[in-house]
Amino acid sequence: PLQFLAAVLPKPESLGETTKGKTNIGVI
């Protein structure tokens, strides 16, 4: 089931043009 779900979801590499905002990753 998870592999089928992955096949129908948007491909991550297709999201670049529409994605807006920022990431913030770090350690405390």
PDB file of all heavy atoms in Angstrom:
ATOM      1  N   PRO A   1       0.807  -1.233   0.000  1.00  0.00           N
ATOM      2  CA  PRO A   1       0.000   0.000   0.000  1.00  0.00           C
ATOM      3  C   PRO A   1       0.833   1.273   0.000  1.00  0.00           C
ATOM      4  O   PRO A   1       0.526   2.219  -0.737  1.00  0.00           O
ATOM      5  CB  PRO A   1      -0.836  -0.140   1.279  1.00  0.00           C
ATOM      6  CG  PRO A   1      -0.994  -1.610   1.459  1.00  0.00           C
ATOM      7  CD  PRO A   1       0.320  -2.197   1.013  1.00  0.00           C
ATOM      8  N   LEU A   2       1.889   1.321   0.811  1.00  0.00           N
ATOM      9  CA  LEU A   2       2.690   2.539   0.883  1.00  0.00           C
ATOM     10  C   LEU A   2       3.381   2.822  -0.450  1.00  0.00           C
ATOM     11  O   LEU A   2       3.494   3.983  -0.869  1.00  0.00           O
ATOM     12  CB  LEU A   2       3.727   2.438   2.006  1.00  0.00           C
ATOM     13  CG  LEU A   2       4.645   3.655   2.194  1.00  0.00           C
ATOM     14  CD1 LEU A   2       3.848   4.931   2.380  1.00  0.00           C
ATOM     15  CD2 LEU A   2       5.587   3.434   3.371  1.00  0.00           C
ATOM     16  N   GLN A   3       3.838   1.790  -1.147  1.00  0.00           N
ATOM     17  CA  GLN A   3       4.469   2.002  -2.445  1.00  0.00           C
ATOM     18  C   GLN A   3       3.465   2.518  -3.472  1.00  0.00           C
ATOM     19  O   GLN A   3       3.793   3.367  -4.312  1.00  0.00           O
ATOM     20  CB  GLN A   3       5.122   0.711  -2.928  1.00  0.00           C
ATOM     21  CG  GLN A   3       6.320   0.298  -2.101  1.00  0.00           C
ATOM     22  CD  GLN A   3       6.961  -0.993  -2.569  1.00  0.00           C
ATOM     23  OE1 GLN A   3       6.453  -1.663  -3.483  1.00  0.00           O
ATOM     24  NE2 GLN A   3       8.081  -1.361  -1.958  1.00  0.00           N
ATOM     25  N   PHE A   4       2.216   2.013  -3.400  1.00  0.00           N
ATOM     26  CA  PHE A   4       1.176   2.523  -4.295  1.00  0.00           C
ATOM     27  C   PHE A   4       0.878   3.989  -3.973  1.00  0.00           C
ATOM     28  O   PHE A   4       0.759   4.819  -4.876  1.00  0.00           O
ATOM     29  CB  PHE A   4      -0.105   1.689  -4.164  1.00  0.00           C
ATOM     30  CG  PHE A   4      -1.246   2.205  -4.997  1.00  0.00           C
ATOM     31  CD1 PHE A   4      -1.309   1.928  -6.353  1.00  0.00           C
ATOM     32  CD2 PHE A   4      -2.246   2.993  -4.432  1.00  0.00           C
ATOM     33  CE1 PHE A   4      -2.347   2.418  -7.133  1.00  0.00           C
ATOM     34  CE2 PHE A   4      -3.282   3.490  -5.207  1.00  0.00           C
ATOM     35  CZ  PHE A   4      -3.334   3.189  -6.553  1.00  0.00           C
ATOM     36  N   LEU A   5       0.785   4.304  -2.672  1.00  0.00           N
ATOM     37  CA  LEU A   5       0.542   5.695  -2.278  1.00  0.00           C
ATOM     38  C   LEU A   5       1.656   6.606  -2.787  1.00  0.00           C
ATOM     39  O   LEU A   5       1.396   7.695  -3.321  1.00  0.00           O
ATOM     40  CB  LEU A   5       0.447   5.784  -0.752  1.00  0.00           C
ATOM     41  CG  LEU A   5       0.288   7.191  -0.159  1.00  0.00           C
ATOM     42  CD1 LEU A   5      -0.996   7.843  -0.632  1.00  0.00           C
ATOM     43  CD2 LEU A   5       0.329   7.126   1.365  1.00  0.00           C
ATOM     44  N   ALA A   6       2.903   6.150  -2.649  1.00  0.00           N
ATOM     45  CA  ALA A   6       4.035   6.955  -3.121  1.00  0.00           C
ATOM     46  C   ALA A   6       3.949   7.207  -4.619  1.00  0.00           C
ATOM     47  O   ALA A   6       4.336   8.276  -5.115  1.00  0.00           O
ATOM     48  CB  ALA A   6       5.349   6.262  -2.772  1.00  0.00           C
ATOM     49  N   ALA A   7       3.410   6.226  -5.354  1.00  0.00           N
ATOM     50  CA  ALA A   7       3.317   6.362  -6.811  1.00  0.00           C
ATOM     51  C   ALA A   7       2.293   7.408  -7.236  1.00  0.00           C
ATOM     52  O   ALA A   7       2.429   8.021  -8.309  1.00  0.00           O
ATOM     53  CB  ALA A   7       2.967   5.017  -7.445  1.00  0.00           C
ATOM     54  N   VAL A   8       1.265   7.633  -6.413  1.00  0.00           N
ATOM     55  CA  VAL A   8       0.214   8.577  -6.814  1.00  0.00           C
ATOM     56  C   VAL A   8       0.410   9.969  -6.209  1.00  0.00           C
ATOM     57  O   VAL A   8      -0.229  10.931  -6.650  1.00  0.00           O
ATOM     58  CB  VAL A   8      -1.191   8.040  -6.449  1.00  0.00           C
ATOM     59  CG1 VAL A   8      -1.459   6.730  -7.163  1.00  0.00           C
ATOM     60  CG2 VAL A   8      -1.381   7.885  -4.952  1.00  0.00           C
ATOM     61  N   LEU A   9       1.290  10.091  -5.213  1.00  0.00           N
ATOM     62  CA  LEU A   9       1.551  11.406  -4.632  1.00  0.00           C
ATOM     63  C   LEU A   9       2.448  12.229  -5.557  1.00  0.00           C
ATOM     64  O   LEU A   9       3.179  11.679  -6.392  1.00  0.00           O
ATOM     65  CB  LEU A   9       2.237  11.252  -3.269  1.00  0.00           C
ATOM     66  CG  LEU A   9       1.368  10.757  -2.116  1.00  0.00           C
ATOM     67  CD1 LEU A   9       2.222  10.546  -0.868  1.00  0.00           C
ATOM     68  CD2 LEU A   9       0.243  11.733  -1.821  1.00  0.00           C
ATOM     69  N   PRO A  10       2.424  13.569  -5.428  1.00  0.00           N
ATOM     70  CA  PRO A  10       3.322  14.404  -6.228  1.00  0.00           C
ATOM     71  C   PRO A  10       4.786  14.032  -5.974  1.00  0.00           C
ATOM     72  O   PRO A  10       5.172  13.742  -4.846  1.00  0.00           O
ATOM     73  CB  PRO A  10       3.026  15.823  -5.719  1.00  0.00           C
ATOM     74  CG  PRO A  10       1.653  15.753  -5.137  1.00  0.00           C
ATOM     75  CD  PRO A  10       1.522  14.374  -4.572  1.00  0.00           C
ATOM     76  N   LYS A  11       5.570  14.017  -7.033  1.00  0.00           N
ATOM     77  CA  LYS A  11       6.987  13.726  -6.887  1.00  0.00           C
ATOM     78  C   LYS A  11       7.685  14.913  -6.207  1.00  0.00           C
ATOM     79  O   LYS A  11       7.478  16.070  -6.605  1.00  0.00           O
ATOM     80  CB  LYS A  11       7.635  13.461  -8.247  1.00  0.00           C
ATOM     81  CG  LYS A  11       7.000  12.295  -9.015  1.00  0.00           C
ATOM     82  CD  LYS A  11       7.110  10.999  -8.262  1.00  0.00           C
ATOM     83  CE  LYS A  11       6.491   9.846  -9.032  1.00  0.00           C
ATOM     84  NZ  LYS A  11       6.360   8.634  -8.185  1.00  0.00           N
ATOM     85  N   PRO A  12       8.520  14.661  -5.199  1.00  0.00           N
ATOM     86  CA  PRO A  12       9.180  15.777  -4.506  1.00  0.00           C
ATOM     87  C   PRO A  12       9.951  16.700  -5.456  1.00  0.00           C
ATOM     88  O   PRO A  12       9.956  17.912  -5.263  1.00  0.00           O
ATOM     89  CB  PRO A  12      10.122  15.065  -3.532  1.00  0.00           C
ATOM     90  CG  PRO A  12       9.472  13.755  -3.280  1.00  0.00           C
ATOM     91  CD  PRO A  12       8.832  13.368  -4.583  1.00  0.00           C
ATOM     92  N   GLU A  13      10.577  16.115  -6.476  1.00  0.00           N
ATOM     93  CA  GLU A  13      11.361  16.938  -7.404  1.00  0.00           C
ATOM     94  C   GLU A  13      10.493  17.844  -8.260  1.00  0.00           C
ATOM     95  O   GLU A  13      10.997  18.761  -8.921  1.00  0.00           O
ATOM     96  CB  GLU A  13      12.256  16.058  -8.283  1.00  0.00           C
ATOM     97  CG  GLU A  13      11.533  15.008  -9.102  1.00  0.00           C
ATOM     98  CD  GLU A  13      11.467  13.661  -8.407  1.00  0.00           C
ATOM     99  OE1 GLU A  13      11.454  13.614  -7.155  1.00  0.00           O
ATOM    100  OE2 GLU A  13      11.414  12.642  -9.122  1.00  0.00           O
ATOM    101  N   SER A  14       9.154  17.605  -8.255  1.00  0.00           N
ATOM    102  CA  SER A  14       8.249  18.457  -9.035  1.00  0.00           C
ATOM    103  C   SER A  14       7.763  19.660  -8.241  1.00  0.00           C
ATOM    104  O   SER A  14       7.056  20.518  -8.787  1.00  0.00           O
ATOM    105  CB  SER A  14       7.041  17.634  -9.497  1.00  0.00           C
ATOM    106  OG  SER A  14       6.173  17.334  -8.404  1.00  0.00           O
ATOM    107  N   LEU A  15       8.117  19.744  -6.959  1.00  0.00           N
ATOM    108  CA  LEU A  15       7.561  20.773  -6.084  1.00  0.00           C
ATOM    109  C   LEU A  15       8.396  22.053  -6.050  1.00  0.00           C
ATOM    110  O   LEU A  15       7.977  23.050  -5.459  1.00  0.00           O
ATOM    111  CB  LEU A  15       7.436  20.234  -4.656  1.00  0.00           C
ATOM    112  CG  LEU A  15       6.559  18.990  -4.465  1.00  0.00           C
ATOM    113  CD1 LEU A  15       6.662  18.492  -3.030  1.00  0.00           C
ATOM    114  CD2 LEU A  15       5.117  19.276  -4.836  1.00  0.00           C
ATOM    115  N   GLY A  16       9.570  22.030  -6.658  1.00  0.00           N
ATOM    116  CA  GLY A  16      10.489  23.163  -6.532  1.00  0.00           C
ATOM    117  C   GLY A  16       9.916  24.485  -6.978  1.00  0.00           C
ATOM    118  O   GLY A  16      10.056  25.505  -6.293  1.00  0.00           O
ATOM    119  N   GLU A  17       9.250  24.493  -8.104  1.00  0.00           N
ATOM    120  CA  GLU A  17       8.769  25.758  -8.671  1.00  0.00           C
ATOM    121  C   GLU A  17       7.670  26.393  -7.835  1.00  0.00           C
ATOM    122  O   GLU A  17       7.527  27.617  -7.790  1.00  0.00           O
ATOM    123  CB  GLU A  17       8.261  25.522 -10.097  1.00  0.00           C
ATOM    124  CG  GLU A  17       7.949  26.809 -10.847  1.00  0.00           C
ATOM    125  CD  GLU A  17       7.668  26.566 -12.314  1.00  0.00           C
ATOM    126  OE1 GLU A  17       7.584  25.395 -12.727  1.00  0.00           O
ATOM    127  OE2 GLU A  17       7.537  27.561 -13.062  1.00  0.00           O
ATOM    128  N   THR A  18       6.874  25.572  -7.144  1.00  0.00           N
ATOM    129  CA  THR A  18       5.724  26.098  -6.400  1.00  0.00           C
ATOM    130  C   THR A  18       6.003  26.312  -4.915  1.00  0.00           C
ATOM    131  O   THR A  18       5.190  26.925  -4.224  1.00  0.00           O
ATOM    132  CB  THR A  18       4.516  25.151  -6.537  1.00  0.00           C
ATOM    133  OG1 THR A  18       4.850  23.865  -5.974  1.00  0.00           O
ATOM    134  CG2 THR A  18       4.120  24.979  -7.988  1.00  0.00           C
ATOM    135  N   THR A  19       7.112  25.817  -4.402  1.00  0.00           N
ATOM    136  CA  THR A  19       7.366  25.891  -2.969  1.00  0.00           C
ATOM    137  C   THR A  19       7.946  27.249  -2.588  1.00  0.00           C
ATOM    138  O   THR A  19       8.942  27.701  -3.153  1.00  0.00           O
ATOM    139  CB  THR A  19       8.328  24.774  -2.522  1.00  0.00           C
ATOM    140  OG1 THR A  19       7.794  23.507  -2.908  1.00  0.00           O
ATOM    141  CG2 THR A  19       8.489  24.790  -1.008  1.00  0.00           C
ATOM    142  N   LYS A  20       7.304  27.874  -1.619  1.00  0.00           N
ATOM    143  CA  LYS A  20       7.728  29.192  -1.139  1.00  0.00           C
ATOM    144  C   LYS A  20       7.983  29.113   0.361  1.00  0.00           C
ATOM    145  O   LYS A  20       7.342  28.352   1.079  1.00  0.00           O
ATOM    146  CB  LYS A  20       6.655  30.256  -1.407  1.00  0.00           C
ATOM    147  CG  LYS A  20       6.087  30.251  -2.823  1.00  0.00           C
ATOM    148  CD  LYS A  20       7.142  30.544  -3.876  1.00  0.00           C
ATOM    149  CE  LYS A  20       6.531  30.514  -5.292  1.00  0.00           C
ATOM    150  NZ  LYS A  20       7.577  30.657  -6.336  1.00  0.00           N
ATOM    151  N   GLY A  21       8.916  29.928   0.852  1.00  0.00           N
ATOM    152  CA  GLY A  21       9.213  29.945   2.277  1.00  0.00           C
ATOM    153  C   GLY A  21      10.624  29.486   2.577  1.00  0.00           C
ATOM    154  O   GLY A  21      11.488  29.469   1.692  1.00  0.00           O
ATOM    155  N   LYS A  22      10.865  29.101   3.827  1.00  0.00           N
ATOM    156  CA  LYS A  22      12.224  28.778   4.259  1.00  0.00           C
ATOM    157  C   LYS A  22      12.249  27.550   5.161  1.00  0.00           C
ATOM    158  O   LYS A  22      11.250  27.197   5.791  1.00  0.00           O
ATOM    159  CB  LYS A  22      12.827  29.968   5.016  1.00  0.00           C
ATOM    160  CG  LYS A  22      13.031  31.201   4.126  1.00  0.00           C
ATOM    161  CD  LYS A  22      13.599  32.360   4.910  1.00  0.00           C
ATOM    162  CE  LYS A  22      13.797  33.570   3.976  1.00  0.00           C
ATOM    163  NZ  LYS A  22      14.325  34.747   4.707  1.00  0.00           N
ATOM    164  N   THR A  23      13.411  26.907   5.186  1.00  0.00           N
ATOM    165  CA  THR A  23      13.688  25.871   6.180  1.00  0.00           C
ATOM    166  C   THR A  23      14.584  26.474   7.257  1.00  0.00           C
ATOM    167  O   THR A  23      15.316  27.434   7.016  1.00  0.00           O
ATOM    168  CB  THR A  23      14.393  24.653   5.559  1.00  0.00           C
ATOM    169  OG1 THR A  23      15.672  25.060   5.043  1.00  0.00           O
ATOM    170  CG2 THR A  23      13.563  24.052   4.428  1.00  0.00           C
ATOM    171  N   ASN A  24      14.515  25.894   8.444  1.00  0.00           N
ATOM    172  CA  ASN A  24      15.378  26.309   9.543  1.00  0.00           C
ATOM    173  C   ASN A  24      15.736  25.042  10.314  1.00  0.00           C
ATOM    174  O   ASN A  24      14.888  24.447  10.978  1.00  0.00           O
ATOM    175  CB  ASN A  24      14.653  27.311  10.450  1.00  0.00           C
ATOM    176  CG  ASN A  24      15.535  27.838  11.575  1.00  0.00           C
ATOM    177  OD1 ASN A  24      16.413  27.151  12.066  1.00  0.00           O
ATOM    178  ND2 ASN A  24      15.278  29.069  11.988  1.00  0.00           N
ATOM    179  N   ILE A  25      16.975  24.599  10.199  1.00  0.00           N
ATOM    180  CA  ILE A  25      17.404  23.342  10.805  1.00  0.00           C
ATOM    181  C   ILE A  25      18.640  23.603  11.659  1.00  0.00           C
ATOM    182  O   ILE A  25      19.587  24.262  11.206  1.00  0.00           O
ATOM    183  CB  ILE A  25      17.741  22.272   9.748  1.00  0.00           C
ATOM    184  CG1 ILE A  25      16.644  22.194   8.672  1.00  0.00           C
ATOM    185  CG2 ILE A  25      17.928  20.909  10.411  1.00  0.00           C
ATOM    186  CD1 ILE A  25      16.985  21.289   7.515  1.00  0.00           C
ATOM    187  N   GLY A  26      18.633  23.082  12.885  1.00  0.00           N
ATOM    188  CA  GLY A  26      19.788  23.297  13.738  1.00  0.00           C
ATOM    189  C   GLY A  26      19.774  22.436  14.975  1.00  0.00           C
ATOM    190  O   GLY A  26      18.936  21.549  15.135  1.00  0.00           O
ATOM    191  N   VAL A  27      20.746  22.703  15.872  1.00  0.00           N
ATOM    192  CA  VAL A  27      20.855  21.955  17.118  1.00  0.00           C
ATOM    193  C   VAL A  27      21.008  22.923  18.285  1.00  0.00           C
ATOM    194  O   VAL A  27      21.628  23.989  18.158  1.00  0.00           O
ATOM    195  CB  VAL A  27      22.037  20.954  17.100  1.00  0.00           C
ATOM    196  CG1 VAL A  27      21.923  19.995  15.928  1.00  0.00           C
ATOM    197  CG2 VAL A  27      23.377  21.667  17.053  1.00  0.00           C
ATOM    198  N   ILE A  28      20.426  22.536  19.404  1.00  0.00           N
ATOM    199  CA  ILE A  28      20.591  23.266  20.663  1.00  0.00           C
ATOM    200  C   ILE A  28      21.301  22.330  21.634  1.00  0.00           C
ATOM    201  O   ILE A  28      20.827  21.224  21.901  1.00  0.00           O
ATOM    202  CB  ILE A  28      19.244  23.715  21.246  1.00  0.00           C
ATOM    203  CG1 ILE A  28      18.531  24.669  20.272  1.00  0.00           C
ATOM    204  CG2 ILE A  28      19.446  24.409  22.589  1.00  0.00           C
ATOM    205  CD1 ILE A  28      17.140  25.084  20.728  1.00  0.00           C
TER     206      ILE A  28
END
